[in-house]
PDB file of N, CA and C in Angstrom:
ATOM      1  N   MET A   1     110.715 111.951  66.306  1.00  0.00           N
ATOM      2  CA  MET A   1     111.068 110.551  66.404  1.00  0.00           C
ATOM      3  C   MET A   1     112.590 110.454  66.497  1.00  0.00           C
ATOM      4  N   ASN A   2     113.093 109.721  67.512  1.00  0.00           N
ATOM      5  CA  ASN A   2     114.543 109.601  67.624  1.00  0.00           C
ATOM      6  C   ASN A   2     115.077 108.595  66.611  1.00  0.00           C
ATOM      7  N   TRP A   3     116.395 108.555  66.459  1.00  0.00           N
ATOM      8  CA  TRP A   3     117.000 107.727  65.403  1.00  0.00           C
ATOM      9  C   TRP A   3     116.810 106.239  65.663  1.00  0.00           C
ATOM     10  N   ARG A   4     116.777 105.784  66.920  1.00  0.00           N
ATOM     11  CA  ARG A   4     116.559 104.352  67.196  1.00  0.00           C
ATOM     12  C   ARG A   4     115.168 103.921  66.756  1.00  0.00           C
ATOM     13  N   LYS A   5     114.174 104.754  67.055  1.00  0.00           N
ATOM     14  CA  LYS A   5     112.823 104.431  66.618  1.00  0.00           C
ATOM     15  C   LYS A   5     112.743 104.423  65.094  1.00  0.00           C
ATOM     16  N   ALA A   6     113.458 105.349  64.441  1.00  0.00           N
ATOM     17  CA  ALA A   6     113.467 105.389  62.975  1.00  0.00           C
ATOM     18  C   ALA A   6     114.084 104.118  62.402  1.00  0.00           C
ATOM     19  N   ILE A   7     115.139 103.620  63.044  1.00  0.00           N
ATOM     20  CA  ILE A   7     115.790 102.391  62.571  1.00  0.00           C
ATOM     21  C   ILE A   7     114.884 101.192  62.772  1.00  0.00           C
ATOM     22  N   ILE A   8     114.232 101.102  63.935  1.00  0.00           N
ATOM     23  CA  ILE A   8     113.315  99.987  64.186  1.00  0.00           C
ATOM     24  C   ILE A   8     112.145 100.060  63.215  1.00  0.00           C
ATOM     25  N   LEU A   9     111.661 101.264  62.951  1.00  0.00           N
ATOM     26  CA  LEU A   9     110.595 101.431  61.965  1.00  0.00           C
ATOM     27  C   LEU A   9     111.065 100.966  60.592  1.00  0.00           C
ATOM     28  N   ALA A  10     112.301 101.289  60.234  1.00  0.00           N
ATOM     29  CA  ALA A  10     112.844 100.858  58.945  1.00  0.00           C
ATOM     30  C   ALA A  10     112.884  99.334  58.872  1.00  0.00           C
ATOM     31  N   ALA A  11     113.263  98.662  59.966  1.00  0.00           N
ATOM     32  CA  ALA A  11     113.290  97.201  59.986  1.00  0.00           C
ATOM     33  C   ALA A  11     111.885  96.633  59.826  1.00  0.00           C
ATOM     34  N   ALA A  12     110.923  97.232  60.502  1.00  0.00           N
ATOM     35  CA  ALA A  12     109.542  96.766  60.387  1.00  0.00           C
ATOM     36  C   ALA A  12     109.003  96.981  58.984  1.00  0.00           C
ATOM     37  N   LEU A  13     109.305  98.140  58.401  1.00  0.00           N
ATOM     38  CA  LEU A  13     108.852  98.406  57.037  1.00  0.00           C
ATOM     39  C   LEU A  13     109.506  97.463  56.045  1.00  0.00           C
ATOM     40  N   SER A  14     110.754  97.115  56.290  1.00  0.00           N
ATOM     41  CA  SER A  14     111.433  96.172  55.420  1.00  0.00           C
ATOM     42  C   SER A  14     110.736  94.823  55.451  1.00  0.00           C
ATOM     43  N   ALA A  15     110.313  94.419  56.632  1.00  0.00           N
ATOM     44  CA  ALA A  15     109.602  93.145  56.771  1.00  0.00           C
ATOM     45  C   ALA A  15     108.314  93.166  55.960  1.00  0.00           C
ATOM     46  N   ALA A  16     107.720  94.340  55.849  1.00  0.00           N
ATOM     47  CA  ALA A  16     106.485  94.469  55.083  1.00  0.00           C
ATOM     48  C   ALA A  16     106.744  94.741  53.606  1.00  0.00           C
ATOM     49  N   GLY A  17     108.017  94.842  53.215  1.00  0.00           N
ATOM     50  CA  GLY A  17     108.343  95.063  51.808  1.00  0.00           C
ATOM     51  C   GLY A  17     108.183  96.502  51.360  1.00  0.00           C
ATOM     52  N   THR A  18     108.231  97.444  52.290  1.00  0.00           N
ATOM     53  CA  THR A  18     108.035  98.842  51.933  1.00  0.00           C
ATOM     54  C   THR A  18     109.259  99.684  52.245  1.00  0.00           C
ATOM     55  N   LEU A  19     110.431  99.130  52.100  1.00  0.00           N
ATOM     56  CA  LEU A  19     111.670  99.831  52.419  1.00  0.00           C
ATOM     57  C   LEU A  19     111.886 101.050  51.539  1.00  0.00           C
ATOM     58  N   ALA A  20     111.210 101.148  50.419  1.00  0.00           N
ATOM     59  CA  ALA A  20     111.424 102.256  49.495  1.00  0.00           C
ATOM     60  C   ALA A  20     111.111 103.611  50.122  1.00  0.00           C
ATOM     61  N   VAL A  21     110.308 103.656  51.171  1.00  0.00           N
ATOM     62  CA  VAL A  21     109.973 104.935  51.797  1.00  0.00           C
ATOM     63  C   VAL A  21     111.031 105.386  52.791  1.00  0.00           C
ATOM     64  N   VAL A  22     112.013 104.534  53.105  1.00  0.00           N
ATOM     65  CA  VAL A  22     113.067 104.881  54.056  1.00  0.00           C
ATOM     66  C   VAL A  22     114.254 105.441  53.281  1.00  0.00           C
ATOM     67  N   PRO A  23     114.829 106.550  53.723  1.00  0.00           N
ATOM     68  CA  PRO A  23     115.989 107.111  53.029  1.00  0.00           C
ATOM     69  C   PRO A  23     117.132 106.108  52.942  1.00  0.00           C
ATOM     70  N   ARG A  24     117.834 106.103  51.841  1.00  0.00           N
ATOM     71  CA  ARG A  24     118.929 105.165  51.598  1.00  0.00           C
ATOM     72  C   ARG A  24     120.006 105.272  52.671  1.00  0.00           C
ATOM     73  N   ALA A  25     120.230 106.446  53.229  1.00  0.00           N
ATOM     74  CA  ALA A  25     121.276 106.634  54.236  1.00  0.00           C
ATOM     75  C   ALA A  25     121.004 105.814  55.495  1.00  0.00           C
ATOM     76  N   LEU A  26     119.741 105.535  55.811  1.00  0.00           N
ATOM     77  CA  LEU A  26     119.419 104.743  56.993  1.00  0.00           C
ATOM     78  C   LEU A  26     119.681 103.262  56.782  1.00  0.00           C
ATOM     79  N   ALA A  27     119.360 102.742  55.626  1.00  0.00           N
ATOM     80  CA  ALA A  27     119.430 101.306  55.376  1.00  0.00           C
ATOM     81  C   ALA A  27     120.810 100.910  54.866  1.00  0.00           C
ATOM     82  N   GLN A  28     121.621 100.327  55.722  1.00  0.00           N
ATOM     83  CA  GLN A  28     122.950  99.916  55.302  1.00  0.00           C
ATOM     84  C   GLN A  28     122.963  98.465  54.858  1.00  0.00           C
ATOM     85  N   SER A  29     122.452  97.553  55.678  1.00  0.00           N
ATOM     86  CA  SER A  29     122.335  96.167  55.234  1.00  0.00           C
ATOM     87  C   SER A  29     121.247  95.446  56.015  1.00  0.00           C
ATOM     88  N   PHE A  30     120.357  94.829  55.272  1.00  0.00           N
ATOM     89  CA  PHE A  30     119.275  94.030  55.828  1.00  0.00           C
ATOM     90  C   PHE A  30     119.470  92.604  55.343  1.00  0.00           C
ATOM     91  N   HIS A  31     119.262  91.638  56.236  1.00  0.00           N
ATOM     92  CA  HIS A  31     119.381  90.230  55.864  1.00  0.00           C
ATOM     93  C   HIS A  31     118.204  89.460  56.446  1.00  0.00           C
ATOM     94  N   THR A  32     117.664  88.531  55.673  1.00  0.00           N
ATOM     95  CA  THR A  32     116.581  87.676  56.135  1.00  0.00           C
ATOM     96  C   THR A  32     117.118  86.261  56.279  1.00  0.00           C
ATOM     97  N   TYR A  33     116.818  85.631  57.411  1.00  0.00           N
ATOM     98  CA  TYR A  33     117.309  84.290  57.709  1.00  0.00           C
ATOM     99  C   TYR A  33     116.161  83.350  58.019  1.00  0.00           C
ATOM    100  N   ARG A  34     116.352  82.075  57.698  1.00  0.00           N
ATOM    101  CA  ARG A  34     115.433  80.993  58.063  1.00  0.00           C
ATOM    102  C   ARG A  34     116.250  79.983  58.846  1.00  0.00           C
ATOM    103  N   CYS A  35     115.705  79.513  59.961  1.00  0.00           N
ATOM    104  CA  CYS A  35     116.439  78.628  60.854  1.00  0.00           C
ATOM    105  C   CYS A  35     115.880  77.208  60.827  1.00  0.00           C
ATOM    106  N   GLY A  36     116.659  76.280  61.360  1.00  0.00           N
ATOM    107  CA  GLY A  36     116.289  74.868  61.388  1.00  0.00           C
ATOM    108  C   GLY A  36     115.012  74.589  62.159  1.00  0.00           C
ATOM    109  N   ASP A  37     114.675  75.415  63.151  1.00  0.00           N
ATOM    110  CA  ASP A  37     113.464  75.192  63.938  1.00  0.00           C
ATOM    111  C   ASP A  37     112.244  75.905  63.359  1.00  0.00           C
ATOM    112  N   GLY A  38     112.390  76.483  62.168  1.00  0.00           N
ATOM    113  CA  GLY A  38     111.275  77.167  61.510  1.00  0.00           C
ATOM    114  C   GLY A  38     111.228  78.670  61.757  1.00  0.00           C
ATOM    115  N   THR A  39     112.070  79.173  62.631  1.00  0.00           N
ATOM    116  CA  THR A  39     112.127  80.609  62.905  1.00  0.00           C
ATOM    117  C   THR A  39     112.605  81.356  61.671  1.00  0.00           C
ATOM    118  N   GLN A  40     112.009  82.495  61.426  1.00  0.00           N
ATOM    119  CA  GLN A  40     112.450  83.375  60.350  1.00  0.00           C
ATOM    120  C   GLN A  40     112.601  84.770  60.947  1.00  0.00           C
ATOM    121  N   PHE A  41     113.686  85.463  60.619  1.00  0.00           N
ATOM    122  CA  PHE A  41     113.895  86.796  61.175  1.00  0.00           C
ATOM    123  C   PHE A  41     114.663  87.670  60.207  1.00  0.00           C
ATOM    124  N   ILE A  42     114.565  88.978  60.440  1.00  0.00           N
ATOM    125  CA  ILE A  42     115.276  89.980  59.653  1.00  0.00           C
ATOM    126  C   ILE A  42     116.225  90.691  60.603  1.00  0.00           C
ATOM    127  N   VAL A  43     117.445  90.920  60.160  1.00  0.00           N
ATOM    128  CA  VAL A  43     118.414  91.663  60.963  1.00  0.00           C
ATOM    129  C   VAL A  43     118.956  92.817  60.123  1.00  0.00           C
ATOM    130  N   ALA A  44     119.108  93.970  60.759  1.00  0.00           N
ATOM    131  CA  ALA A  44     119.627  95.165  60.092  1.00  0.00           C
ATOM    132  C   ALA A  44     120.883  95.635  60.816  1.00  0.00           C
ATOM    133  N   PHE A  45     121.890  95.988  60.025  1.00  0.00           N
ATOM    134  CA  PHE A  45     123.133  96.544  60.541  1.00  0.00           C
ATOM    135  C   PHE A  45     123.335  97.916  59.907  1.00  0.00           C
ATOM    136  N   TYR A  46     123.846  98.862  60.677  1.00  0.00           N
ATOM    137  CA  TYR A  46     124.066 100.215  60.196  1.00  0.00           C
ATOM    138  C   TYR A  46     125.501 100.621  60.461  1.00  0.00           C
ATOM    139  N   ASP A  47     126.083 101.375  59.527  1.00  0.00           N
ATOM    140  CA  ASP A  47     127.427 101.909  59.716  1.00  0.00           C
ATOM    141  C   ASP A  47     127.448 102.777  60.971  1.00  0.00           C
ATOM    142  N   CYS A  48     128.583 102.791  61.633  1.00  0.00           N
ATOM    143  CA  CYS A  48     128.779 103.624  62.824  1.00  0.00           C
ATOM    144  C   CYS A  48     127.834 103.262  63.966  1.00  0.00           C
ATOM    145  N   ASP A  49     127.361 102.028  64.006  1.00  0.00           N
ATOM    146  CA  ASP A  49     126.474 101.573  65.075  1.00  0.00           C
ATOM    147  C   ASP A  49     126.872 100.149  65.444  1.00  0.00           C
ATOM    148  N   THR A  50     127.027  99.873  66.722  1.00  0.00           N
ATOM    149  CA  THR A  50     127.461  98.544  67.165  1.00  0.00           C
ATOM    150  C   THR A  50     126.296  97.634  67.501  1.00  0.00           C
ATOM    151  N   HIS A  51     125.093  98.055  67.210  1.00  0.00           N
ATOM    152  CA  HIS A  51     123.910  97.245  67.501  1.00  0.00           C
ATOM    153  C   HIS A  51     123.434  96.500  66.262  1.00  0.00           C
ATOM    154  N   ALA A  52     122.680  95.435  66.501  1.00  0.00           N
ATOM    155  CA  ALA A  52     121.953  94.741  65.437  1.00  0.00           C
ATOM    156  C   ALA A  52     120.471  94.935  65.755  1.00  0.00           C
ATOM    157  N   TYR A  53     119.680  95.231  64.747  1.00  0.00           N
ATOM    158  CA  TYR A  53     118.257  95.468  64.924  1.00  0.00           C
ATOM    159  C   TYR A  53     117.517  94.300  64.284  1.00  0.00           C
ATOM    160  N   VAL A  54     116.784  93.549  65.114  1.00  0.00           N
ATOM    161  CA  VAL A  54     116.181  92.296  64.674  1.00  0.00           C
ATOM    162  C   VAL A  54     114.665  92.385  64.760  1.00  0.00           C
ATOM    163  N   GLN A  55     114.007  91.839  63.753  1.00  0.00           N
ATOM    164  CA  GLN A  55     112.561  91.655  63.752  1.00  0.00           C
ATOM    165  C   GLN A  55     112.338  90.150  63.847  1.00  0.00           C
ATOM    166  N   ILE A  56     111.886  89.672  65.020  1.00  0.00           N
ATOM    167  CA  ILE A  56     111.729  88.236  65.264  1.00  0.00           C
ATOM    168  C   ILE A  56     110.497  88.018  66.134  1.00  0.00           C
ATOM    169  N   ASP A  57     109.763  86.980  65.855  1.00  0.00           N
ATOM    170  CA  ASP A  57     108.543  86.658  66.608  1.00  0.00           C
ATOM    171  C   ASP A  57     107.564  87.827  66.653  1.00  0.00           C
ATOM    172  N   GLY A  58     107.508  88.602  65.588  1.00  0.00           N
ATOM    173  CA  GLY A  58     106.565  89.707  65.511  1.00  0.00           C
ATOM    174  C   GLY A  58     106.932  90.923  66.340  1.00  0.00           C
ATOM    175  N   ARG A  59     108.169  90.984  66.820  1.00  0.00           N
ATOM    176  CA  ARG A  59     108.580  92.139  67.609  1.00  0.00           C
ATOM    177  C   ARG A  59     109.970  92.604  67.199  1.00  0.00           C
ATOM    178  N   ALA A  60     110.220  93.878  67.407  1.00  0.00           N
ATOM    179  CA  ALA A  60     111.526  94.458  67.100  1.00  0.00           C
ATOM    180  C   ALA A  60     112.383  94.406  68.357  1.00  0.00           C
ATOM    181  N   VAL A  61     113.633  93.941  68.210  1.00  0.00           N
ATOM    182  CA  VAL A  61     114.551  93.819  69.335  1.00  0.00           C
ATOM    183  C   VAL A  61     115.885  94.452  68.939  1.00  0.00           C
ATOM    184  N   THR A  62     116.437  95.278  69.827  1.00  0.00           N
ATOM    185  CA  THR A  62     117.755  95.852  69.618  1.00  0.00           C
ATOM    186  C   THR A  62     118.767  94.993  70.352  1.00  0.00           C
ATOM    187  N   LEU A  63     119.758  94.488  69.624  1.00  0.00           N
ATOM    188  CA  LEU A  63     120.780  93.624  70.208  1.00  0.00           C
ATOM    189  C   LEU A  63     122.089  94.403  70.322  1.00  0.00           C
ATOM    190  N   THR A  64     122.743  94.251  71.453  1.00  0.00           N
ATOM    191  CA  THR A  64     124.025  94.906  71.706  1.00  0.00           C
ATOM    192  C   THR A  64     125.155  93.947  71.358  1.00  0.00           C
ATOM    193  N   LYS A  65     126.175  94.466  70.713  1.00  0.00           N
ATOM    194  CA  LYS A  65     127.329  93.643  70.355  1.00  0.00           C
ATOM    195  C   LYS A  65     128.085  93.257  71.621  1.00  0.00           C
ATOM    196  N   ARG A  66     128.437  91.973  71.736  1.00  0.00           N
ATOM    197  CA  ARG A  66     129.160  91.443  72.891  1.00  0.00           C
ATOM    198  C   ARG A  66     130.567  91.056  72.476  1.00  0.00           C
ATOM    199  N   LEU A  67     131.452  91.006  73.436  1.00  0.00           N
ATOM    200  CA  LEU A  67     132.838  90.650  73.194  1.00  0.00           C
ATOM    201  C   LEU A  67     132.975  89.139  73.040  1.00  0.00           C
ATOM    202  N   VAL A  68     133.562  88.699  71.933  1.00  0.00           N
ATOM    203  CA  VAL A  68     133.836  87.281  71.681  1.00  0.00           C
ATOM    204  C   VAL A  68     135.204  87.166  71.030  1.00  0.00           C
ATOM    205  N   LEU A  69     135.789  85.972  71.116  1.00  0.00           N
ATOM    206  CA  LEU A  69     137.112  85.761  70.526  1.00  0.00           C
ATOM    207  C   LEU A  69     137.063  85.620  69.016  1.00  0.00           C
ATOM    208  N   SER A  70     136.005  85.006  68.510  1.00  0.00           N
ATOM    209  CA  SER A  70     135.903  84.764  67.078  1.00  0.00           C
ATOM    210  C   SER A  70     134.487  85.067  66.609  1.00  0.00           C
ATOM    211  N   GLY A  71     134.354  85.737  65.497  1.00  0.00           N
ATOM    212  CA  GLY A  71     133.043  86.070  64.966  1.00  0.00           C
ATOM    213  C   GLY A  71     132.423  87.240  65.698  1.00  0.00           C
ATOM    214  N   SER A  72     131.094  87.288  65.696  1.00  0.00           N
ATOM    215  CA  SER A  72     130.350  88.354  66.366  1.00  0.00           C
ATOM    216  C   SER A  72     129.198  87.740  67.139  1.00  0.00           C
ATOM    217  N   ARG A  73     128.856  88.351  68.253  1.00  0.00           N
ATOM    218  CA  ARG A  73     127.700  87.919  69.027  1.00  0.00           C
ATOM    219  C   ARG A  73     126.953  89.154  69.484  1.00  0.00           C
ATOM    220  N   TYR A  74     125.646  89.118  69.323  1.00  0.00           N
ATOM    221  CA  TYR A  74     124.768  90.207  69.719  1.00  0.00           C
ATOM    222  C   TYR A  74     123.690  89.618  70.614  1.00  0.00           C
ATOM    223  N   SER A  75     123.307  90.353  71.672  1.00  0.00           N
ATOM    224  CA  SER A  75     122.236  89.840  72.528  1.00  0.00           C
ATOM    225  C   SER A  75     121.452  90.985  73.138  1.00  0.00           C
ATOM    226  N   GLY A  76     120.224  90.668  73.523  1.00  0.00           N
ATOM    227  CA  GLY A  76     119.331  91.624  74.159  1.00  0.00           C
ATOM    228  C   GLY A  76     117.896  91.178  74.028  1.00  0.00           C
ATOM    229  N   GLY A  77     117.084  91.502  74.999  1.00  0.00           N
ATOM    230  CA  GLY A  77     115.660  91.185  74.931  1.00  0.00           C
ATOM    231  C   GLY A  77     115.353  89.709  74.800  1.00  0.00           C
ATOM    232  N   GLY A  78     116.199  88.854  75.363  1.00  0.00           N
ATOM    233  CA  GLY A  78     115.960  87.416  75.285  1.00  0.00           C
ATOM    234  C   GLY A  78     116.372  86.773  73.977  1.00  0.00           C
ATOM    235  N   VAL A  79     117.073  87.525  73.123  1.00  0.00           N
ATOM    236  CA  VAL A  79     117.524  87.018  71.822  1.00  0.00           C
ATOM    237  C   VAL A  79     119.052  87.090  71.773  1.00  0.00           C
ATOM    238  N   THR A  80     119.679  86.015  71.295  1.00  0.00           N
ATOM    239  CA  THR A  80     121.125  86.004  71.067  1.00  0.00           C
ATOM    240  C   THR A  80     121.380  85.602  69.627  1.00  0.00           C
ATOM    241  N   LEU A  81     122.149  86.408  68.919  1.00  0.00           N
ATOM    242  CA  LEU A  81     122.503  86.169  67.524  1.00  0.00           C
ATOM    243  C   LEU A  81     124.004  85.949  67.445  1.00  0.00           C
ATOM    244  N   GLY A  82     124.426  84.810  66.905  1.00  0.00           N
ATOM    245  CA  GLY A  82     125.844  84.511  66.728  1.00  0.00           C
ATOM    246  C   GLY A  82     126.192  84.464  65.252  1.00  0.00           C
ATOM    247  N   ILE A  83     127.286  85.113  64.888  1.00  0.00           N
ATOM    248  CA  ILE A  83     127.729  85.148  63.498  1.00  0.00           C
ATOM    249  C   ILE A  83     129.193  84.740  63.462  1.00  0.00           C
ATOM    250  N   SER A  84     129.477  83.671  62.738  1.00  0.00           N
ATOM    251  CA  SER A  84     130.859  83.227  62.565  1.00  0.00           C
ATOM    252  C   SER A  84     131.042  82.791  61.121  1.00  0.00           C
ATOM    253  N   LYS A  85     132.265  82.439  60.759  1.00  0.00           N
ATOM    254  CA  LYS A  85     132.516  81.944  59.406  1.00  0.00           C
ATOM    255  C   LYS A  85     131.777  80.638  59.168  1.00  0.00           C
ATOM    256  N   ALA A  86     131.622  79.841  60.217  1.00  0.00           N
ATOM    257  CA  ALA A  86     131.008  78.518  60.094  1.00  0.00           C
ATOM    258  C   ALA A  86     129.484  78.558  60.064  1.00  0.00           C
ATOM    259  N   ALA A  87     128.860  79.462  60.834  1.00  0.00           N
ATOM    260  CA  ALA A  87     127.397  79.417  60.944  1.00  0.00           C
ATOM    261  C   ALA A  87     126.822  80.706  61.501  1.00  0.00           C
ATOM    262  N   ILE A  88     125.530  80.885  61.239  1.00  0.00           N
ATOM    263  CA  ILE A  88     124.718  81.918  61.861  1.00  0.00           C
ATOM    264  C   ILE A  88     123.784  81.174  62.804  1.00  0.00           C
ATOM    265  N   THR A  89     123.739  81.585  64.068  1.00  0.00           N
ATOM    266  CA  THR A  89     122.855  80.918  65.029  1.00  0.00           C
ATOM    267  C   THR A  89     121.999  81.953  65.738  1.00  0.00           C
ATOM    268  N   VAL A  90     120.839  81.499  66.222  1.00  0.00           N
ATOM    269  CA  VAL A  90     119.964  82.368  66.999  1.00  0.00           C
ATOM    270  C   VAL A  90     119.372  81.551  68.146  1.00  0.00           C
ATOM    271  N   ARG A  91     119.197  82.247  69.262  1.00  0.00           N
ATOM    272  CA  ARG A  91     118.508  81.665  70.405  1.00  0.00           C
ATOM    273  C   ARG A  91     117.494  82.701  70.866  1.00  0.00           C
ATOM    274  N   HIS A  92     116.235  82.263  71.031  1.00  0.00           N
ATOM    275  CA  HIS A  92     115.183  83.189  71.451  1.00  0.00           C
ATOM    276  C   HIS A  92     114.043  82.413  72.079  1.00  0.00           C
ATOM    277  N   ALA A  93     113.227  83.115  72.819  1.00  0.00           N
ATOM    278  CA  ALA A  93     112.009  82.556  73.417  1.00  0.00           C
ATOM    279  C   ALA A  93     112.280  81.250  74.171  1.00  0.00           C
ATOM    280  N   ARG A  94     113.404  81.206  74.884  1.00  0.00           N
ATOM    281  CA  ARG A  94     113.781  80.036  75.689  1.00  0.00           C
ATOM    282  C   ARG A  94     113.910  78.759  74.864  1.00  0.00           C
ATOM    283  N   ARG A  95     114.148  78.906  73.581  1.00  0.00           N
ATOM    284  CA  ARG A  95     114.384  77.757  72.709  1.00  0.00           C
ATOM    285  C   ARG A  95     115.881  77.500  72.645  1.00  0.00           C
ATOM    286  N   PRO A  96     116.282  76.296  72.264  1.00  0.00           N
ATOM    287  CA  PRO A  96     117.727  76.034  72.135  1.00  0.00           C
ATOM    288  C   PRO A  96     118.311  76.792  70.943  1.00  0.00           C
ATOM    289  N   VAL A  97     119.623  76.905  70.937  1.00  0.00           N
ATOM    290  CA  VAL A  97     120.327  77.544  69.832  1.00  0.00           C
ATOM    291  C   VAL A  97     120.062  76.745  68.555  1.00  0.00           C
ATOM    292  N   THR A  98     119.783  77.443  67.468  1.00  0.00           N
ATOM    293  CA  THR A  98     119.515  76.785  66.190  1.00  0.00           C
ATOM    294  C   THR A  98     120.303  77.463  65.074  1.00  0.00           C
ATOM    295  N   ALA A  99     120.724  76.670  64.107  1.00  0.00           N
ATOM    296  CA  ALA A  99     121.472  77.182  62.955  1.00  0.00           C
ATOM    297  C   ALA A  99     120.508  77.810  61.957  1.00  0.00           C
ATOM    298  N   CYS A 100     120.968  78.881  61.293  1.00  0.00           N
ATOM    299  CA  CYS A 100     120.134  79.612  60.345  1.00  0.00           C
ATOM    300  C   CYS A 100     120.885  79.806  59.043  1.00  0.00           C
ATOM    301  N   GLU A 101     120.127  80.055  57.990  1.00  0.00           N
ATOM    302  CA  GLU A 101     120.739  80.320  56.685  1.00  0.00           C
ATOM    303  C   GLU A 101     120.084  81.535  56.056  1.00  0.00           C
ATOM    304  N   LEU A 102     120.868  82.241  55.279  1.00  0.00           N
ATOM    305  CA  LEU A 102     120.413  83.428  54.569  1.00  0.00           C
ATOM    306  C   LEU A 102     119.433  83.019  53.472  1.00  0.00           C
ATOM    307  N   ILE A 103     118.315  83.734  53.376  1.00  0.00           N
ATOM    308  CA  ILE A 103     117.362  83.436  52.287  1.00  0.00           C
ATOM    309  C   ILE A 103     117.212  84.644  51.398  1.00  0.00           C
TER     310      ILE A 103
END
């Protein structure tokens, strides 16, 4: 199993509450968000990796970091994640951008 599949598996296992079986070195930071439109998703970030790994709408998506002037933006697979001091936003499944909060 390559390392990307291992990371996506770790994100999926985290969603199921079974992160304890994943080595600590793989899991750097996992965050769960709830959005204004009812969307809920998990995002994982790893040291030495510029991608964000998202579990949204029942599927795992790898997002690539994009160049922005302020904050961070990740996109891929029809999902865009924006992170700034003011807000966390997500756009997916052809829905409009919606604000999210950490839960």
